[in-house]
Amino acid sequence: MTREFNPRVSIEQIEESEELAPKFDDDGLIPAVTTDYRSGELLMQGYMSAEALILTIQTGEAHYFSRSRKVLWHKGATSGLVQKVQELMIDDDQDCIWLKVDVIGGASCHVGYRSCFYRRIPLSDNSKPIRLEFTETEKVFDPVSIYGDIPNSTKL
């Protein structure tokens, strides 16, 4: 992989120029928020390495870096639920990526729901423990049939 990003040299360059100079954290990652291109629905939040960002730019399909598995990950390579990038944005500090995607297959969550954000935290809830509210009740696909039985301990 060749270096395809500009070095970060000044605030003016980062905030006001046309130079792509993303800021990766100490682990070499940058947060990436993904929404549905048409509806704006929040689908997921992940991380990209420099390689994942370059591959996303080059292929027009979302690539991420899995922190739990410590591997580059082409979204949909296993499940077929590919994210076709329609628009790729970067914030003013160039330390966060926003992908606007069309999802082939209709889901982005490995649990089987359309969005990874399928539960709501109730506000002003004094019960203990707090009980999450499901905002999606039907899964788009069966994760076990695609990924196999993944022990919960690998996701913690």
N, C-alpha and C. Protein backbone atom coordinates (compact mmCIF):
# COMPACT_ATOMS: atom_id res chain seq x y z
N MET A 1 0.85 -1.18 0.00
CA MET A 1 0.00 0.00 0.00
C MET A 1 0.90 1.23 0.00
N THR A 2 0.68 2.09 -0.93
CA THR A 2 1.45 3.33 -0.97
C THR A 2 0.76 4.39 -0.11
N ARG A 3 1.56 5.33 0.37
CA ARG A 3 0.98 6.41 1.16
C ARG A 3 0.15 7.30 0.25
N GLU A 4 -1.13 7.42 0.56
CA GLU A 4 -2.02 8.20 -0.28
C GLU A 4 -2.58 9.40 0.45
N PHE A 5 -2.08 9.66 1.66
CA PHE A 5 -2.58 10.78 2.44
C PHE A 5 -1.47 11.79 2.64
N ASN A 6 -1.86 13.04 2.74
CA ASN A 6 -0.90 14.10 3.00
C ASN A 6 -0.51 14.10 4.47
N PRO A 7 0.73 14.48 4.77
CA PRO A 7 1.09 14.64 6.18
C PRO A 7 0.32 15.82 6.76
N ARG A 8 0.04 15.77 8.05
CA ARG A 8 -0.67 16.85 8.73
C ARG A 8 0.36 17.90 9.14
N VAL A 9 0.27 19.10 8.56
CA VAL A 9 1.30 20.11 8.82
C VAL A 9 0.79 21.38 9.49
N SER A 10 -0.48 21.69 9.34
CA SER A 10 -0.99 22.91 9.96
C SER A 10 -2.50 22.83 10.13
N ILE A 11 -3.02 23.65 11.03
CA ILE A 11 -4.47 23.73 11.23
C ILE A 11 -5.14 24.21 9.95
N GLU A 12 -4.54 25.19 9.30
CA GLU A 12 -5.11 25.72 8.05
C GLU A 12 -5.22 24.63 7.00
N GLN A 13 -4.17 23.82 6.87
CA GLN A 13 -4.18 22.74 5.89
C GLN A 13 -5.28 21.73 6.23
N ILE A 14 -5.39 21.36 7.49
CA ILE A 14 -6.37 20.36 7.90
C ILE A 14 -7.80 20.88 7.76
N GLU A 15 -8.04 22.12 8.16
CA GLU A 15 -9.39 22.65 8.20
C GLU A 15 -9.83 23.40 6.95
N GLU A 16 -8.89 23.91 6.16
CA GLU A 16 -9.28 24.81 5.07
C GLU A 16 -8.76 24.40 3.69
N SER A 17 -7.93 23.38 3.60
CA SER A 17 -7.39 23.04 2.28
C SER A 17 -8.13 21.86 1.67
N GLU A 18 -7.76 21.53 0.47
CA GLU A 18 -8.32 20.37 -0.23
C GLU A 18 -7.50 19.11 0.01
N GLU A 19 -6.52 19.18 0.89
CA GLU A 19 -5.63 18.04 1.15
C GLU A 19 -6.26 17.06 2.13
N LEU A 20 -6.26 15.79 1.75
CA LEU A 20 -6.73 14.74 2.64
C LEU A 20 -5.57 14.35 3.56
N ALA A 21 -5.74 14.65 4.85
CA ALA A 21 -4.70 14.37 5.86
C ALA A 21 -5.38 13.82 7.12
N PRO A 22 -5.94 12.61 7.02
CA PRO A 22 -6.70 12.08 8.15
C PRO A 22 -5.82 11.85 9.38
N LYS A 23 -6.45 12.01 10.55
CA LYS A 23 -5.75 11.79 11.81
C LYS A 23 -6.17 10.44 12.37
N PHE A 24 -5.25 9.51 12.36
CA PHE A 24 -5.47 8.19 12.92
C PHE A 24 -5.01 8.20 14.37
N ASP A 25 -5.67 7.42 15.23
CA ASP A 25 -5.30 7.40 16.64
C ASP A 25 -4.01 6.60 16.86
N ASP A 26 -3.64 6.40 18.11
CA ASP A 26 -2.39 5.70 18.43
C ASP A 26 -2.39 4.25 17.95
N ASP A 27 -3.58 3.69 17.72
CA ASP A 27 -3.68 2.33 17.20
C ASP A 27 -3.77 2.31 15.68
N GLY A 28 -3.66 3.50 15.06
CA GLY A 28 -3.72 3.59 13.60
C GLY A 28 -5.13 3.53 13.05
N LEU A 29 -6.11 3.94 13.87
CA LEU A 29 -7.52 3.86 13.46
C LEU A 29 -8.20 5.22 13.51
N ILE A 30 -9.25 5.34 12.71
CA ILE A 30 -10.08 6.53 12.68
C ILE A 30 -11.54 6.07 12.78
N PRO A 31 -12.37 6.71 13.62
CA PRO A 31 -13.77 6.31 13.72
C PRO A 31 -14.51 6.57 12.41
N ALA A 32 -15.45 5.68 12.10
CA ALA A 32 -16.24 5.80 10.88
C ALA A 32 -17.71 5.54 11.21
N VAL A 33 -18.54 6.54 10.94
CA VAL A 33 -19.98 6.44 11.15
C VAL A 33 -20.61 6.15 9.79
N THR A 34 -21.56 5.22 9.77
CA THR A 34 -22.18 4.82 8.52
C THR A 34 -23.69 5.00 8.59
N THR A 35 -24.23 5.71 7.59
CA THR A 35 -25.67 5.93 7.52
C THR A 35 -26.20 5.47 6.16
N ASP A 36 -27.51 5.25 6.12
CA ASP A 36 -28.18 4.92 4.87
C ASP A 36 -28.19 6.17 3.98
N TYR A 37 -27.82 6.01 2.74
CA TYR A 37 -27.70 7.15 1.83
C TYR A 37 -29.03 7.87 1.62
N ARG A 38 -30.10 7.12 1.50
CA ARG A 38 -31.40 7.73 1.19
C ARG A 38 -32.12 8.26 2.43
N SER A 39 -32.19 7.47 3.48
CA SER A 39 -32.99 7.86 4.64
C SER A 39 -32.20 8.62 5.71
N GLY A 40 -30.87 8.46 5.71
CA GLY A 40 -30.06 9.07 6.75
C GLY A 40 -30.01 8.26 8.02
N GLU A 41 -30.68 7.10 8.05
CA GLU A 41 -30.70 6.24 9.23
C GLU A 41 -29.28 5.83 9.61
N LEU A 42 -28.98 5.93 10.90
CA LEU A 42 -27.68 5.50 11.41
C LEU A 42 -27.63 3.99 11.39
N LEU A 43 -26.65 3.44 10.67
CA LEU A 43 -26.54 1.99 10.54
C LEU A 43 -25.50 1.39 11.47
N MET A 44 -24.35 2.02 11.55
CA MET A 44 -23.28 1.46 12.37
C MET A 44 -22.17 2.47 12.62
N GLN A 45 -21.33 2.15 13.56
CA GLN A 45 -20.10 2.90 13.83
C GLN A 45 -18.99 1.88 13.90
N GLY A 46 -17.91 2.14 13.21
CA GLY A 46 -16.77 1.24 13.22
C GLY A 46 -15.49 2.04 13.17
N TYR A 47 -14.42 1.38 12.78
CA TYR A 47 -13.12 2.03 12.68
C TYR A 47 -12.48 1.64 11.37
N MET A 48 -11.66 2.54 10.84
CA MET A 48 -10.91 2.27 9.62
C MET A 48 -9.43 2.45 9.91
N SER A 49 -8.64 1.58 9.35
CA SER A 49 -7.19 1.79 9.31
C SER A 49 -6.92 2.57 8.02
N ALA A 50 -5.68 2.99 7.82
CA ALA A 50 -5.34 3.68 6.58
C ALA A 50 -5.64 2.78 5.38
N GLU A 51 -5.32 1.50 5.51
CA GLU A 51 -5.57 0.57 4.41
C GLU A 51 -7.07 0.44 4.13
N ALA A 52 -7.88 0.38 5.17
CA ALA A 52 -9.33 0.28 4.99
C ALA A 52 -9.88 1.52 4.29
N LEU A 53 -9.39 2.69 4.68
CA LEU A 53 -9.85 3.92 4.05
C LEU A 53 -9.44 3.97 2.59
N ILE A 54 -8.21 3.59 2.30
CA ILE A 54 -7.74 3.57 0.91
C ILE A 54 -8.57 2.60 0.07
N LEU A 55 -8.82 1.40 0.59
CA LEU A 55 -9.61 0.41 -0.14
C LEU A 55 -11.04 0.89 -0.36
N THR A 56 -11.61 1.57 0.63
CA THR A 56 -12.95 2.13 0.48
C THR A 56 -12.97 3.16 -0.64
N ILE A 57 -11.98 4.04 -0.66
CA ILE A 57 -11.88 5.05 -1.72
C ILE A 57 -11.71 4.39 -3.09
N GLN A 58 -10.84 3.39 -3.16
CA GLN A 58 -10.53 2.75 -4.44
C GLN A 58 -11.66 1.88 -4.98
N THR A 59 -12.38 1.18 -4.10
CA THR A 59 -13.38 0.21 -4.56
C THR A 59 -14.81 0.74 -4.53
N GLY A 60 -15.07 1.78 -3.74
CA GLY A 60 -16.43 2.27 -3.58
C GLY A 60 -17.28 1.36 -2.70
N GLU A 61 -16.64 0.43 -2.00
CA GLU A 61 -17.32 -0.43 -1.05
C GLU A 61 -16.65 -0.27 0.31
N ALA A 62 -17.45 -0.33 1.39
CA ALA A 62 -16.93 -0.07 2.73
C ALA A 62 -15.98 -1.16 3.21
N HIS A 63 -14.85 -0.71 3.72
CA HIS A 63 -13.88 -1.57 4.39
C HIS A 63 -13.63 -0.97 5.77
N TYR A 64 -13.46 -1.83 6.75
CA TYR A 64 -13.23 -1.39 8.12
C TYR A 64 -12.07 -2.18 8.71
N PHE A 65 -11.69 -1.83 9.93
CA PHE A 65 -10.72 -2.62 10.67
C PHE A 65 -11.43 -3.13 11.92
N SER A 66 -11.44 -4.44 12.09
CA SER A 66 -12.09 -5.04 13.25
C SER A 66 -11.12 -4.99 14.43
N ARG A 67 -11.49 -4.24 15.46
CA ARG A 67 -10.64 -4.15 16.65
C ARG A 67 -10.66 -5.46 17.43
N SER A 68 -11.78 -6.17 17.45
CA SER A 68 -11.85 -7.41 18.21
C SER A 68 -11.07 -8.54 17.53
N ARG A 69 -11.12 -8.59 16.20
CA ARG A 69 -10.40 -9.64 15.47
C ARG A 69 -9.03 -9.19 14.98
N LYS A 70 -8.80 -7.87 15.03
CA LYS A 70 -7.53 -7.27 14.59
C LYS A 70 -7.21 -7.60 13.13
N VAL A 71 -8.24 -7.44 12.27
CA VAL A 71 -8.07 -7.70 10.84
C VAL A 71 -8.82 -6.67 10.00
N LEU A 72 -8.33 -6.46 8.80
CA LEU A 72 -9.03 -5.66 7.80
C LEU A 72 -10.29 -6.43 7.41
N TRP A 73 -11.38 -5.70 7.17
CA TRP A 73 -12.66 -6.35 6.96
C TRP A 73 -13.43 -5.64 5.87
N HIS A 74 -13.72 -6.36 4.78
CA HIS A 74 -14.55 -5.85 3.69
C HIS A 74 -15.99 -6.16 4.08
N LYS A 75 -16.76 -5.12 4.40
CA LYS A 75 -18.13 -5.30 4.87
C LYS A 75 -18.94 -6.05 3.82
N GLY A 76 -19.48 -7.20 4.20
CA GLY A 76 -20.28 -8.00 3.29
C GLY A 76 -19.54 -9.13 2.62
N ALA A 77 -18.23 -9.25 2.82
CA ALA A 77 -17.48 -10.31 2.16
C ALA A 77 -17.99 -11.70 2.58
N THR A 78 -18.37 -11.85 3.82
CA THR A 78 -18.90 -13.13 4.31
C THR A 78 -20.41 -13.19 4.17
N SER A 79 -21.10 -12.13 4.56
CA SER A 79 -22.56 -12.12 4.63
C SER A 79 -23.24 -11.79 3.30
N GLY A 80 -22.54 -11.12 2.40
CA GLY A 80 -23.17 -10.63 1.17
C GLY A 80 -23.86 -9.29 1.36
N LEU A 81 -23.83 -8.74 2.58
CA LEU A 81 -24.47 -7.47 2.89
C LEU A 81 -23.49 -6.32 2.67
N VAL A 82 -23.12 -6.13 1.42
CA VAL A 82 -22.10 -5.17 1.03
C VAL A 82 -22.64 -3.74 1.17
N GLN A 83 -21.79 -2.84 1.63
CA GLN A 83 -22.14 -1.43 1.71
C GLN A 83 -21.51 -0.71 0.52
N LYS A 84 -22.35 -0.27 -0.41
CA LYS A 84 -21.91 0.50 -1.58
C LYS A 84 -21.87 1.97 -1.18
N VAL A 85 -20.69 2.55 -1.18
CA VAL A 85 -20.53 3.93 -0.72
C VAL A 85 -21.02 4.89 -1.80
N GLN A 86 -21.96 5.74 -1.41
CA GLN A 86 -22.49 6.75 -2.31
C GLN A 86 -21.83 8.11 -2.06
N GLU A 87 -21.42 8.31 -0.82
CA GLU A 87 -20.76 9.56 -0.46
C GLU A 87 -19.84 9.28 0.72
N LEU A 88 -18.65 9.84 0.69
CA LEU A 88 -17.65 9.64 1.74
C LEU A 88 -17.24 11.02 2.24
N MET A 89 -17.47 11.26 3.53
CA MET A 89 -17.22 12.58 4.11
C MET A 89 -16.14 12.46 5.19
N ILE A 90 -15.48 13.59 5.46
CA ILE A 90 -14.54 13.66 6.58
C ILE A 90 -14.84 14.94 7.34
N ASP A 91 -14.69 14.91 8.66
CA ASP A 91 -15.05 16.08 9.46
C ASP A 91 -13.97 17.15 9.40
N ASP A 92 -14.23 18.28 10.05
CA ASP A 92 -13.35 19.45 9.95
C ASP A 92 -11.94 19.19 10.47
N ASP A 93 -11.80 18.36 11.50
CA ASP A 93 -10.48 18.04 12.04
C ASP A 93 -9.83 16.86 11.33
N GLN A 94 -10.55 16.28 10.38
CA GLN A 94 -10.11 15.10 9.64
C GLN A 94 -9.78 13.94 10.59
N ASP A 95 -10.62 13.80 11.63
CA ASP A 95 -10.40 12.68 12.55
C ASP A 95 -11.64 11.79 12.70
N CYS A 96 -12.58 11.91 11.74
CA CYS A 96 -13.77 11.06 11.73
C CYS A 96 -14.29 10.97 10.30
N ILE A 97 -14.65 9.77 9.89
CA ILE A 97 -15.17 9.50 8.55
C ILE A 97 -16.67 9.26 8.64
N TRP A 98 -17.42 9.74 7.64
CA TRP A 98 -18.86 9.48 7.54
C TRP A 98 -19.12 8.86 6.18
N LEU A 99 -19.61 7.63 6.19
CA LEU A 99 -19.96 6.92 4.97
C LEU A 99 -21.47 6.96 4.80
N LYS A 100 -21.93 7.35 3.62
CA LYS A 100 -23.34 7.28 3.26
C LYS A 100 -23.45 6.16 2.24
N VAL A 101 -24.20 5.12 2.58
CA VAL A 101 -24.15 3.89 1.79
C VAL A 101 -25.53 3.39 1.38
N ASP A 102 -25.53 2.60 0.32
CA ASP A 102 -26.64 1.72 -0.03
C ASP A 102 -26.20 0.34 0.43
N VAL A 103 -27.07 -0.35 1.16
CA VAL A 103 -26.72 -1.67 1.68
C VAL A 103 -27.35 -2.75 0.82
N ILE A 104 -26.52 -3.53 0.17
CA ILE A 104 -27.00 -4.67 -0.60
C ILE A 104 -27.45 -5.73 0.42
N GLY A 105 -28.69 -6.14 0.37
CA GLY A 105 -29.20 -7.13 1.31
C GLY A 105 -29.96 -6.53 2.48
N GLY A 106 -29.89 -5.19 2.65
CA GLY A 106 -30.75 -4.52 3.60
C GLY A 106 -30.34 -4.49 5.05
N ALA A 107 -29.18 -5.03 5.43
CA ALA A 107 -28.78 -5.01 6.84
C ALA A 107 -27.31 -4.67 6.97
N SER A 108 -26.97 -4.06 8.10
CA SER A 108 -25.58 -3.72 8.37
C SER A 108 -25.06 -4.35 9.66
N CYS A 109 -25.94 -4.89 10.46
CA CYS A 109 -25.57 -5.39 11.78
C CYS A 109 -25.29 -6.89 11.75
N HIS A 110 -24.19 -7.32 12.34
CA HIS A 110 -23.85 -8.75 12.35
C HIS A 110 -24.82 -9.57 13.19
N VAL A 111 -25.65 -8.90 14.01
CA VAL A 111 -26.64 -9.59 14.84
C VAL A 111 -27.89 -9.93 14.01
N GLY A 112 -28.00 -9.33 12.82
CA GLY A 112 -29.11 -9.63 11.92
C GLY A 112 -30.10 -8.50 11.72
N TYR A 113 -30.01 -7.46 12.54
CA TYR A 113 -30.90 -6.32 12.37
C TYR A 113 -30.38 -5.40 11.27
N ARG A 114 -31.24 -4.53 10.77
CA ARG A 114 -30.84 -3.59 9.72
C ARG A 114 -29.73 -2.67 10.20
N SER A 115 -29.91 -2.10 11.39
CA SER A 115 -28.96 -1.15 11.96
C SER A 115 -28.33 -1.76 13.21
N CYS A 116 -27.10 -1.38 13.49
CA CYS A 116 -26.47 -1.79 14.75
C CYS A 116 -27.09 -1.06 15.93
N PHE A 117 -27.83 -0.01 15.66
CA PHE A 117 -28.47 0.78 16.70
C PHE A 117 -29.94 0.37 16.77
N TYR A 118 -30.21 -0.82 17.30
CA TYR A 118 -31.54 -1.38 17.32
C TYR A 118 -32.19 -1.37 18.71
N ARG A 119 -31.53 -0.72 19.67
CA ARG A 119 -32.11 -0.59 21.02
C ARG A 119 -31.98 0.84 21.50
N ARG A 120 -32.98 1.26 22.24
CA ARG A 120 -33.02 2.61 22.78
C ARG A 120 -32.83 2.53 24.30
N ILE A 121 -32.11 3.50 24.84
CA ILE A 121 -31.98 3.65 26.29
C ILE A 121 -33.09 4.59 26.73
N PRO A 122 -34.01 4.12 27.57
CA PRO A 122 -35.11 5.00 27.99
C PRO A 122 -34.60 6.16 28.84
N LEU A 123 -35.15 7.33 28.60
CA LEU A 123 -34.79 8.51 29.37
C LEU A 123 -35.67 8.58 30.61
N SER A 124 -35.15 9.14 31.65
CA SER A 124 -35.88 9.31 32.91
C SER A 124 -36.39 7.99 33.46
N ASP A 125 -35.63 6.94 33.24
CA ASP A 125 -36.01 5.63 33.75
C ASP A 125 -35.29 5.41 35.08
N ASN A 126 -36.04 5.35 36.16
CA ASN A 126 -35.45 5.17 37.49
C ASN A 126 -35.37 3.71 37.91
N SER A 127 -35.82 2.80 37.04
CA SER A 127 -35.76 1.39 37.41
C SER A 127 -34.32 0.91 37.37
N LYS A 128 -34.03 -0.07 38.20
CA LYS A 128 -32.68 -0.64 38.23
C LYS A 128 -32.82 -2.13 38.08
N PRO A 129 -32.16 -2.77 37.17
CA PRO A 129 -31.32 -2.13 36.16
C PRO A 129 -32.16 -1.50 35.06
N ILE A 130 -31.56 -0.57 34.34
CA ILE A 130 -32.24 0.06 33.21
C ILE A 130 -32.49 -1.01 32.15
N ARG A 131 -33.67 -0.98 31.57
CA ARG A 131 -34.06 -1.96 30.55
C ARG A 131 -34.07 -1.28 29.18
N LEU A 132 -33.31 -1.82 28.26
CA LEU A 132 -33.28 -1.28 26.90
C LEU A 132 -34.57 -1.60 26.17
N GLU A 133 -34.95 -0.73 25.24
CA GLU A 133 -36.15 -0.93 24.43
C GLU A 133 -35.73 -1.23 23.00
N PHE A 134 -36.23 -2.32 22.43
CA PHE A 134 -35.91 -2.66 21.05
C PHE A 134 -36.67 -1.74 20.10
N THR A 135 -35.97 -1.19 19.13
CA THR A 135 -36.60 -0.35 18.11
C THR A 135 -36.81 -1.14 16.82
N GLU A 136 -36.15 -2.28 16.71
CA GLU A 136 -36.36 -3.21 15.60
C GLU A 136 -36.76 -4.54 16.22
N THR A 137 -37.75 -5.18 15.64
CA THR A 137 -38.21 -6.45 16.22
C THR A 137 -37.96 -7.64 15.31
N GLU A 138 -37.68 -7.37 14.04
CA GLU A 138 -37.43 -8.47 13.11
C GLU A 138 -36.05 -8.34 12.51
N LYS A 139 -35.36 -9.46 12.45
CA LYS A 139 -34.03 -9.48 11.85
C LYS A 139 -34.16 -9.59 10.34
N VAL A 140 -33.21 -9.01 9.63
CA VAL A 140 -33.17 -9.06 8.18
C VAL A 140 -32.62 -10.41 7.72
N PHE A 141 -31.72 -10.98 8.52
CA PHE A 141 -31.13 -12.27 8.18
C PHE A 141 -30.78 -13.01 9.47
N ASP A 142 -30.54 -14.31 9.35
CA ASP A 142 -30.16 -15.15 10.48
C ASP A 142 -28.63 -15.21 10.56
N PRO A 143 -28.03 -14.56 11.57
CA PRO A 143 -26.57 -14.52 11.65
C PRO A 143 -25.93 -15.90 11.80
N VAL A 144 -26.57 -16.83 12.47
CA VAL A 144 -25.97 -18.16 12.67
C VAL A 144 -25.82 -18.88 11.34
N SER A 145 -26.79 -18.70 10.42
CA SER A 145 -26.69 -19.38 9.12
C SER A 145 -25.57 -18.80 8.27
N ILE A 146 -25.17 -17.56 8.54
CA ILE A 146 -24.10 -16.93 7.76
C ILE A 146 -22.74 -17.07 8.44
N TYR A 147 -22.69 -16.77 9.73
CA TYR A 147 -21.42 -16.72 10.45
C TYR A 147 -21.14 -17.97 11.29
N GLY A 148 -22.15 -18.81 11.48
CA GLY A 148 -22.00 -19.94 12.39
C GLY A 148 -22.30 -19.48 13.81
N ASP A 149 -22.17 -20.40 14.74
CA ASP A 149 -22.45 -20.08 16.15
C ASP A 149 -21.23 -19.40 16.74
N ILE A 150 -21.33 -18.10 16.99
CA ILE A 150 -20.21 -17.31 17.54
C ILE A 150 -20.42 -17.22 19.04
N PRO A 151 -19.49 -17.78 19.81
CA PRO A 151 -19.64 -17.68 21.27
C PRO A 151 -19.63 -16.20 21.71
N ASN A 152 -20.49 -15.87 22.67
CA ASN A 152 -20.58 -14.49 23.15
C ASN A 152 -19.26 -13.97 23.67
N SER A 153 -18.40 -14.83 24.18
CA SER A 153 -17.15 -14.37 24.77
C SER A 153 -16.23 -13.72 23.74
N THR A 154 -16.39 -14.05 22.44
CA THR A 154 -15.53 -13.44 21.43
C THR A 154 -15.97 -12.02 21.11
N LYS A 155 -17.16 -11.63 21.49
CA LYS A 155 -17.67 -10.30 21.19
C LYS A 155 -17.47 -9.32 22.34
N LEU A 156 -16.99 -9.76 23.48
CA LEU A 156 -16.84 -8.88 24.64
C LEU A 156 -15.60 -8.05 24.56
